[in-house]
Amino acid sequence: MSKQLFLALPLVVLMAGCQSVTGGNDGLGGTPSPEAFVASNDPAYLGREHFTRANYALAEENFRKAVELKPNDAASWVGLAASYDQLGRFDLADRAYEKATQLSGNTFEILNNRGFSYMLRGDNRQATVMFKRAKSLRPNDPVVSNNLLLLTQART
């Protein structure tokens, strides 16, 4: 199972470099590679692509399809939760985070994203709890440090 999950600030998807979708020397008129075809039809891949482009409704739709196809894919559950966060559907985000946590435990990524979710809701107390738990797993991680700094600035 892929351990690649989402990090917050502002919930930017960690992705490998893009693959070329065309073959041929000019990169324009060739036949798509088998890898590109599979990726373009994979709802988890499409969810990440839409999320990266801030198309959160399409990201949610594709991540929902991904978890229906592969219910044990924690990364897709986190993507679904992050999409729900961006759509303001925090009730559904909580459910998706719970499922991801059941599958992979309280990982850094899940704790950090949950902290960001609480920050979006205006619950800075609970956000701080989650960010500090994430920081205990990765004390020198700049993302969670920046999220804690954002919380501090929001209070002043």
N, C-alpha and C. Protein backbone atom coordinates (compact mmCIF):
# COMPACT_ATOMS: atom_id res chain seq x y z
N MET A 1 0.85 -1.18 0.00
CA MET A 1 0.00 0.00 0.00
C MET A 1 0.89 1.24 0.00
N SER A 2 0.54 2.22 -0.79
CA SER A 2 1.31 3.44 -0.91
C SER A 2 1.24 4.24 0.37
N LYS A 3 2.39 4.69 0.81
CA LYS A 3 2.44 5.53 2.01
C LYS A 3 2.42 7.01 1.65
N GLN A 4 2.32 7.31 0.33
CA GLN A 4 2.30 8.70 -0.09
C GLN A 4 0.98 9.32 0.30
N LEU A 5 1.01 10.23 1.19
CA LEU A 5 -0.19 10.90 1.68
C LEU A 5 -0.03 12.39 1.46
N PHE A 6 -1.03 13.12 1.81
CA PHE A 6 -1.05 14.55 1.59
C PHE A 6 -0.52 15.30 2.81
N LEU A 7 0.14 16.40 2.56
CA LEU A 7 0.59 17.30 3.60
C LEU A 7 -0.17 18.61 3.46
N ALA A 8 -0.41 19.23 4.56
CA ALA A 8 -1.12 20.49 4.53
C ALA A 8 -0.15 21.65 4.31
N LEU A 9 -0.65 22.81 4.11
CA LEU A 9 -0.04 24.12 3.90
C LEU A 9 0.25 24.36 2.46
N PRO A 10 -0.68 24.66 1.69
CA PRO A 10 -2.10 24.47 1.97
C PRO A 10 -2.59 23.18 1.36
N LEU A 11 -2.36 22.13 2.06
CA LEU A 11 -2.75 20.79 1.63
C LEU A 11 -2.22 20.48 0.24
N VAL A 12 -0.94 20.67 0.08
CA VAL A 12 -0.31 20.45 -1.22
C VAL A 12 -0.02 18.97 -1.37
N VAL A 13 -0.33 18.44 -2.51
CA VAL A 13 -0.11 17.03 -2.78
C VAL A 13 1.36 16.80 -3.10
N LEU A 14 1.94 15.78 -2.45
CA LEU A 14 3.29 15.39 -2.78
C LEU A 14 3.22 14.44 -3.97
N MET A 15 3.88 14.82 -5.04
CA MET A 15 3.79 14.00 -6.24
C MET A 15 5.15 13.85 -6.88
N ALA A 16 5.31 12.73 -7.58
CA ALA A 16 6.49 12.55 -8.40
C ALA A 16 6.31 13.40 -9.65
N GLY A 17 7.37 13.52 -10.45
CA GLY A 17 7.29 14.31 -11.67
C GLY A 17 6.27 13.74 -12.62
N CYS A 18 5.74 14.61 -13.44
CA CYS A 18 4.72 14.19 -14.41
C CYS A 18 5.36 13.35 -15.50
N GLN A 19 4.59 12.38 -15.95
CA GLN A 19 5.05 11.56 -17.06
C GLN A 19 4.51 12.13 -18.35
N SER A 20 5.26 11.91 -19.42
CA SER A 20 4.78 12.32 -20.73
C SER A 20 3.61 11.43 -21.13
N VAL A 21 2.58 12.02 -21.68
CA VAL A 21 1.43 11.23 -22.08
C VAL A 21 1.46 10.89 -23.56
N THR A 22 2.45 11.36 -24.25
CA THR A 22 2.54 11.02 -25.67
C THR A 22 3.87 10.35 -25.96
N GLY A 23 3.86 9.55 -26.95
CA GLY A 23 5.09 8.96 -27.43
C GLY A 23 5.60 9.79 -28.58
N GLY A 24 6.53 9.27 -29.34
CA GLY A 24 7.03 9.98 -30.51
C GLY A 24 8.06 11.01 -30.14
N ASN A 25 8.81 11.43 -31.16
CA ASN A 25 9.92 12.35 -30.92
C ASN A 25 9.47 13.77 -30.64
N ASP A 26 8.35 14.19 -31.25
CA ASP A 26 7.94 15.58 -31.06
C ASP A 26 7.10 15.79 -29.82
N GLY A 27 6.67 14.70 -29.19
CA GLY A 27 5.86 14.82 -27.99
C GLY A 27 4.45 15.29 -28.25
N LEU A 28 4.03 15.30 -29.53
CA LEU A 28 2.69 15.80 -29.84
C LEU A 28 1.75 14.74 -30.37
N GLY A 29 2.19 13.97 -31.35
CA GLY A 29 1.23 13.13 -32.05
C GLY A 29 1.39 11.64 -31.83
N GLY A 30 2.21 11.25 -30.88
CA GLY A 30 2.45 9.83 -30.69
C GLY A 30 1.32 9.15 -29.94
N THR A 31 1.45 7.87 -29.78
CA THR A 31 0.48 7.08 -29.03
C THR A 31 0.78 7.20 -27.54
N PRO A 32 -0.25 7.39 -26.72
CA PRO A 32 -0.01 7.46 -25.28
C PRO A 32 0.67 6.19 -24.78
N SER A 33 1.56 6.37 -23.83
CA SER A 33 2.23 5.22 -23.24
C SER A 33 1.24 4.42 -22.41
N PRO A 34 1.48 3.11 -22.22
CA PRO A 34 0.57 2.33 -21.37
C PRO A 34 0.48 2.89 -19.95
N GLU A 35 1.60 3.41 -19.43
CA GLU A 35 1.60 3.97 -18.08
C GLU A 35 0.70 5.20 -18.00
N ALA A 36 0.76 6.05 -19.04
CA ALA A 36 -0.08 7.25 -19.05
C ALA A 36 -1.55 6.88 -19.16
N PHE A 37 -1.86 5.86 -19.95
CA PHE A 37 -3.25 5.44 -20.08
C PHE A 37 -3.78 4.93 -18.74
N VAL A 38 -3.00 4.09 -18.07
CA VAL A 38 -3.42 3.56 -16.77
C VAL A 38 -3.59 4.70 -15.78
N ALA A 39 -2.61 5.60 -15.73
CA ALA A 39 -2.68 6.72 -14.78
C ALA A 39 -3.89 7.60 -15.07
N SER A 40 -4.18 7.84 -16.35
CA SER A 40 -5.27 8.74 -16.68
C SER A 40 -6.63 8.14 -16.36
N ASN A 41 -6.69 6.83 -16.20
CA ASN A 41 -7.95 6.17 -15.85
C ASN A 41 -8.02 5.76 -14.39
N ASP A 42 -6.99 6.02 -13.63
CA ASP A 42 -6.94 5.67 -12.22
C ASP A 42 -7.55 6.81 -11.41
N PRO A 43 -8.65 6.55 -10.70
CA PRO A 43 -9.30 7.64 -9.97
C PRO A 43 -8.41 8.27 -8.90
N ALA A 44 -7.52 7.51 -8.28
CA ALA A 44 -6.62 8.10 -7.28
C ALA A 44 -5.67 9.09 -7.95
N TYR A 45 -5.14 8.71 -9.09
CA TYR A 45 -4.26 9.60 -9.86
C TYR A 45 -5.03 10.86 -10.26
N LEU A 46 -6.22 10.67 -10.79
CA LEU A 46 -7.03 11.82 -11.21
C LEU A 46 -7.39 12.70 -10.02
N GLY A 47 -7.66 12.08 -8.88
CA GLY A 47 -7.94 12.85 -7.67
C GLY A 47 -6.77 13.75 -7.29
N ARG A 48 -5.55 13.18 -7.34
CA ARG A 48 -4.36 13.98 -7.03
C ARG A 48 -4.19 15.12 -8.03
N GLU A 49 -4.40 14.81 -9.31
CA GLU A 49 -4.26 15.84 -10.34
C GLU A 49 -5.26 16.98 -10.13
N HIS A 50 -6.50 16.64 -9.88
CA HIS A 50 -7.52 17.68 -9.67
C HIS A 50 -7.25 18.46 -8.39
N PHE A 51 -6.81 17.77 -7.35
CA PHE A 51 -6.52 18.46 -6.09
C PHE A 51 -5.40 19.47 -6.30
N THR A 52 -4.36 19.06 -7.01
CA THR A 52 -3.23 19.94 -7.27
C THR A 52 -3.66 21.19 -8.02
N ARG A 53 -4.66 21.05 -8.86
CA ARG A 53 -5.16 22.18 -9.65
C ARG A 53 -6.30 22.94 -8.94
N ALA A 54 -6.54 22.59 -7.68
CA ALA A 54 -7.58 23.22 -6.85
C ALA A 54 -8.98 22.97 -7.39
N ASN A 55 -9.17 21.86 -8.10
CA ASN A 55 -10.50 21.44 -8.54
C ASN A 55 -11.02 20.44 -7.51
N TYR A 56 -11.42 20.96 -6.36
CA TYR A 56 -11.70 20.11 -5.21
C TYR A 56 -12.94 19.23 -5.39
N ALA A 57 -13.94 19.72 -6.10
CA ALA A 57 -15.12 18.88 -6.33
C ALA A 57 -14.77 17.68 -7.20
N LEU A 58 -13.96 17.90 -8.24
CA LEU A 58 -13.53 16.78 -9.08
C LEU A 58 -12.56 15.87 -8.34
N ALA A 59 -11.73 16.46 -7.49
CA ALA A 59 -10.83 15.64 -6.67
C ALA A 59 -11.65 14.75 -5.75
N GLU A 60 -12.65 15.32 -5.10
CA GLU A 60 -13.51 14.53 -4.21
C GLU A 60 -14.18 13.39 -4.96
N GLU A 61 -14.71 13.69 -6.13
CA GLU A 61 -15.40 12.67 -6.93
C GLU A 61 -14.45 11.51 -7.27
N ASN A 62 -13.23 11.84 -7.68
CA ASN A 62 -12.29 10.80 -8.05
C ASN A 62 -11.76 10.04 -6.84
N PHE A 63 -11.48 10.73 -5.75
CA PHE A 63 -11.04 10.01 -4.55
C PHE A 63 -12.14 9.12 -4.00
N ARG A 64 -13.39 9.58 -4.11
CA ARG A 64 -14.51 8.73 -3.67
C ARG A 64 -14.57 7.46 -4.50
N LYS A 65 -14.38 7.59 -5.81
CA LYS A 65 -14.33 6.41 -6.68
C LYS A 65 -13.16 5.51 -6.30
N ALA A 66 -12.02 6.13 -5.99
CA ALA A 66 -10.82 5.36 -5.64
C ALA A 66 -11.04 4.52 -4.39
N VAL A 67 -11.68 5.09 -3.37
CA VAL A 67 -11.89 4.32 -2.14
C VAL A 67 -12.99 3.29 -2.31
N GLU A 68 -13.90 3.52 -3.24
CA GLU A 68 -14.90 2.50 -3.54
C GLU A 68 -14.23 1.30 -4.22
N LEU A 69 -13.27 1.58 -5.10
CA LEU A 69 -12.56 0.50 -5.80
C LEU A 69 -11.54 -0.19 -4.90
N LYS A 70 -10.87 0.59 -4.07
CA LYS A 70 -9.82 0.06 -3.18
C LYS A 70 -10.04 0.62 -1.78
N PRO A 71 -10.92 -0.01 -1.01
CA PRO A 71 -11.26 0.53 0.31
C PRO A 71 -10.10 0.53 1.32
N ASN A 72 -9.03 -0.17 1.03
CA ASN A 72 -7.89 -0.21 1.95
C ASN A 72 -6.77 0.73 1.54
N ASP A 73 -7.02 1.65 0.64
CA ASP A 73 -6.02 2.60 0.17
C ASP A 73 -6.05 3.85 1.06
N ALA A 74 -5.19 3.86 2.05
CA ALA A 74 -5.18 4.97 3.02
C ALA A 74 -4.90 6.31 2.35
N ALA A 75 -4.02 6.32 1.35
CA ALA A 75 -3.69 7.58 0.67
C ALA A 75 -4.92 8.18 0.01
N SER A 76 -5.76 7.35 -0.58
CA SER A 76 -6.98 7.87 -1.21
C SER A 76 -7.96 8.37 -0.17
N TRP A 77 -8.02 7.72 0.98
CA TRP A 77 -8.89 8.21 2.06
C TRP A 77 -8.42 9.59 2.54
N VAL A 78 -7.09 9.78 2.64
CA VAL A 78 -6.58 11.08 3.05
C VAL A 78 -6.88 12.12 1.97
N GLY A 79 -6.72 11.74 0.70
CA GLY A 79 -7.06 12.65 -0.38
C GLY A 79 -8.53 13.03 -0.36
N LEU A 80 -9.37 12.06 -0.07
CA LEU A 80 -10.81 12.33 0.03
C LEU A 80 -11.08 13.29 1.18
N ALA A 81 -10.46 13.04 2.32
CA ALA A 81 -10.64 13.91 3.48
C ALA A 81 -10.18 15.34 3.19
N ALA A 82 -9.01 15.46 2.56
CA ALA A 82 -8.49 16.79 2.24
C ALA A 82 -9.41 17.51 1.25
N SER A 83 -9.97 16.76 0.31
CA SER A 83 -10.92 17.37 -0.63
C SER A 83 -12.17 17.85 0.10
N TYR A 84 -12.68 17.03 1.00
CA TYR A 84 -13.83 17.45 1.80
C TYR A 84 -13.51 18.69 2.62
N ASP A 85 -12.30 18.75 3.18
CA ASP A 85 -11.90 19.95 3.93
C ASP A 85 -12.02 21.19 3.06
N GLN A 86 -11.49 21.11 1.86
CA GLN A 86 -11.50 22.26 0.96
C GLN A 86 -12.91 22.63 0.52
N LEU A 87 -13.81 21.66 0.54
CA LEU A 87 -15.21 21.93 0.18
C LEU A 87 -16.05 22.33 1.39
N GLY A 88 -15.42 22.38 2.57
CA GLY A 88 -16.13 22.75 3.79
C GLY A 88 -17.02 21.65 4.34
N ARG A 89 -16.82 20.43 3.91
CA ARG A 89 -17.60 19.28 4.40
C ARG A 89 -16.82 18.57 5.49
N PHE A 90 -16.69 19.23 6.62
CA PHE A 90 -15.84 18.73 7.69
C PHE A 90 -16.38 17.46 8.33
N ASP A 91 -17.70 17.28 8.33
CA ASP A 91 -18.28 16.04 8.85
C ASP A 91 -17.80 14.85 8.03
N LEU A 92 -17.78 14.99 6.72
CA LEU A 92 -17.31 13.91 5.86
C LEU A 92 -15.79 13.77 5.92
N ALA A 93 -15.10 14.89 6.09
CA ALA A 93 -13.63 14.83 6.23
C ALA A 93 -13.27 14.02 7.46
N ASP A 94 -13.96 14.25 8.57
CA ASP A 94 -13.68 13.51 9.80
C ASP A 94 -13.83 12.00 9.58
N ARG A 95 -14.88 11.62 8.88
CA ARG A 95 -15.08 10.19 8.61
C ARG A 95 -13.95 9.61 7.78
N ALA A 96 -13.53 10.35 6.75
CA ALA A 96 -12.45 9.87 5.88
C ALA A 96 -11.12 9.80 6.64
N TYR A 97 -10.85 10.78 7.49
CA TYR A 97 -9.62 10.72 8.31
C TYR A 97 -9.67 9.53 9.26
N GLU A 98 -10.83 9.25 9.83
CA GLU A 98 -10.96 8.09 10.72
C GLU A 98 -10.64 6.80 9.98
N LYS A 99 -11.16 6.67 8.77
CA LYS A 99 -10.90 5.46 7.98
C LYS A 99 -9.41 5.36 7.66
N ALA A 100 -8.79 6.45 7.27
CA ALA A 100 -7.35 6.45 6.97
C ALA A 100 -6.55 6.07 8.21
N THR A 101 -6.96 6.57 9.36
CA THR A 101 -6.27 6.26 10.62
C THR A 101 -6.43 4.79 10.97
N GLN A 102 -7.61 4.23 10.74
CA GLN A 102 -7.81 2.79 10.97
C GLN A 102 -6.87 1.96 10.11
N LEU A 103 -6.63 2.43 8.89
CA LEU A 103 -5.80 1.67 7.95
C LEU A 103 -4.30 1.81 8.20
N SER A 104 -3.88 3.00 8.59
CA SER A 104 -2.43 3.22 8.69
C SER A 104 -1.96 3.79 10.02
N GLY A 105 -2.86 4.02 10.96
CA GLY A 105 -2.46 4.59 12.24
C GLY A 105 -2.37 6.10 12.17
N ASN A 106 -1.97 6.69 13.27
CA ASN A 106 -1.82 8.14 13.34
C ASN A 106 -0.47 8.54 12.75
N THR A 107 -0.41 8.60 11.44
CA THR A 107 0.82 8.98 10.77
C THR A 107 1.02 10.49 10.85
N PHE A 108 2.21 10.92 10.56
CA PHE A 108 2.51 12.34 10.50
C PHE A 108 1.56 13.05 9.55
N GLU A 109 1.38 12.48 8.36
CA GLU A 109 0.55 13.12 7.35
C GLU A 109 -0.89 13.29 7.81
N ILE A 110 -1.43 12.24 8.40
CA ILE A 110 -2.82 12.31 8.86
C ILE A 110 -2.96 13.33 9.98
N LEU A 111 -2.06 13.30 10.95
CA LEU A 111 -2.13 14.26 12.06
C LEU A 111 -1.98 15.70 11.56
N ASN A 112 -1.05 15.92 10.66
CA ASN A 112 -0.84 17.26 10.12
C ASN A 112 -2.07 17.73 9.34
N ASN A 113 -2.62 16.85 8.50
CA ASN A 113 -3.81 17.22 7.74
C ASN A 113 -5.01 17.47 8.65
N ARG A 114 -5.14 16.66 9.68
CA ARG A 114 -6.25 16.88 10.61
C ARG A 114 -6.08 18.22 11.32
N GLY A 115 -4.85 18.55 11.67
CA GLY A 115 -4.59 19.86 12.26
C GLY A 115 -5.00 20.98 11.32
N PHE A 116 -4.67 20.83 10.05
CA PHE A 116 -5.04 21.84 9.07
C PHE A 116 -6.56 21.91 8.93
N SER A 117 -7.21 20.76 8.99
CA SER A 117 -8.67 20.70 8.92
C SER A 117 -9.29 21.51 10.07
N TYR A 118 -8.77 21.29 11.27
CA TYR A 118 -9.29 22.04 12.42
C TYR A 118 -8.99 23.53 12.28
N MET A 119 -7.84 23.86 11.72
CA MET A 119 -7.51 25.26 11.52
C MET A 119 -8.50 25.90 10.53
N LEU A 120 -8.87 25.18 9.47
CA LEU A 120 -9.85 25.70 8.52
C LEU A 120 -11.20 25.94 9.19
N ARG A 121 -11.52 25.14 10.18
CA ARG A 121 -12.80 25.28 10.89
C ARG A 121 -12.77 26.39 11.93
N GLY A 122 -11.56 26.89 12.23
CA GLY A 122 -11.43 27.90 13.27
C GLY A 122 -11.22 27.32 14.65
N ASP A 123 -11.01 26.01 14.75
CA ASP A 123 -10.78 25.35 16.04
C ASP A 123 -9.27 25.27 16.28
N ASN A 124 -8.70 26.41 16.67
CA ASN A 124 -7.25 26.49 16.82
C ASN A 124 -6.72 25.63 17.97
N ARG A 125 -7.53 25.42 18.98
CA ARG A 125 -7.09 24.57 20.10
C ARG A 125 -6.86 23.13 19.61
N GLN A 126 -7.84 22.58 18.92
CA GLN A 126 -7.71 21.20 18.43
C GLN A 126 -6.65 21.12 17.34
N ALA A 127 -6.53 22.17 16.52
CA ALA A 127 -5.49 22.21 15.49
C ALA A 127 -4.11 22.13 16.14
N THR A 128 -3.91 22.88 17.22
CA THR A 128 -2.63 22.86 17.92
C THR A 128 -2.32 21.47 18.44
N VAL A 129 -3.32 20.80 19.01
CA VAL A 129 -3.12 19.43 19.52
C VAL A 129 -2.63 18.52 18.40
N MET A 130 -3.29 18.57 17.25
CA MET A 130 -2.92 17.70 16.12
C MET A 130 -1.54 18.05 15.58
N PHE A 131 -1.27 19.34 15.42
CA PHE A 131 0.04 19.74 14.90
C PHE A 131 1.16 19.33 15.85
N LYS A 132 0.93 19.45 17.16
CA LYS A 132 1.97 19.05 18.12
C LYS A 132 2.19 17.54 18.09
N ARG A 133 1.14 16.78 17.89
CA ARG A 133 1.29 15.33 17.77
C ARG A 133 2.07 14.99 16.51
N ALA A 134 1.80 15.70 15.42
CA ALA A 134 2.55 15.49 14.18
C ALA A 134 4.01 15.88 14.38
N LYS A 135 4.23 16.99 15.06
CA LYS A 135 5.61 17.46 15.29
C LYS A 135 6.39 16.47 16.15
N SER A 136 5.71 15.78 17.05
CA SER A 136 6.42 14.79 17.87
C SER A 136 6.92 13.62 17.02
N LEU A 137 6.27 13.38 15.90
CA LEU A 137 6.72 12.31 15.00
C LEU A 137 7.84 12.78 14.07
N ARG A 138 7.83 14.06 13.71
CA ARG A 138 8.87 14.65 12.85
C ARG A 138 9.21 16.03 13.38
N PRO A 139 10.08 16.08 14.39
CA PRO A 139 10.36 17.35 15.05
C PRO A 139 10.90 18.46 14.15
N ASN A 140 11.61 18.11 13.09
CA ASN A 140 12.23 19.14 12.25
C ASN A 140 11.48 19.39 10.95
N ASP A 141 10.28 18.88 10.82
CA ASP A 141 9.54 19.04 9.57
C ASP A 141 9.08 20.49 9.41
N PRO A 142 9.44 21.12 8.29
CA PRO A 142 9.07 22.53 8.12
C PRO A 142 7.58 22.77 7.90
N VAL A 143 6.87 21.79 7.36
CA VAL A 143 5.44 21.99 7.09
C VAL A 143 4.66 22.16 8.38
N VAL A 144 4.87 21.23 9.31
CA VAL A 144 4.13 21.33 10.57
C VAL A 144 4.60 22.54 11.37
N SER A 145 5.88 22.86 11.29
CA SER A 145 6.38 24.07 11.97
C SER A 145 5.70 25.32 11.42
N ASN A 146 5.54 25.38 10.10
CA ASN A 146 4.86 26.52 9.49
C ASN A 146 3.38 26.56 9.87
N ASN A 147 2.76 25.40 9.97
CA ASN A 147 1.36 25.37 10.39
C ASN A 147 1.20 25.88 11.81
N LEU A 148 2.12 25.49 12.69
CA LEU A 148 2.07 26.00 14.07
C LEU A 148 2.30 27.51 14.09
N LEU A 149 3.18 27.99 13.23
CA LEU A 149 3.43 29.43 13.14
C LEU A 149 2.17 30.15 12.65
N LEU A 150 1.48 29.59 11.68
CA LEU A 150 0.23 30.18 11.21
C LEU A 150 -0.79 30.30 12.34
N LEU A 151 -0.86 29.26 13.15
CA LEU A 151 -1.80 29.30 14.29
C LEU A 151 -1.43 30.41 15.26
N THR A 152 -0.15 30.54 15.54
CA THR A 152 0.32 31.58 16.45
C THR A 152 -0.03 32.96 15.91
N GLN A 153 0.19 33.16 14.61
CA GLN A 153 -0.12 34.44 13.99
C GLN A 153 -1.62 34.69 13.96
N ALA A 154 -2.41 33.65 13.83
CA ALA A 154 -3.88 33.81 13.81
C ALA A 154 -4.40 34.27 15.17
N ARG A 155 -3.69 33.94 16.23
CA ARG A 155 -4.14 34.29 17.59
C ARG A 155 -3.82 35.73 17.93
N THR A 156 -2.87 36.33 17.24
CA THR A 156 -2.47 37.71 17.59
C THR A 156 -3.20 38.74 16.81
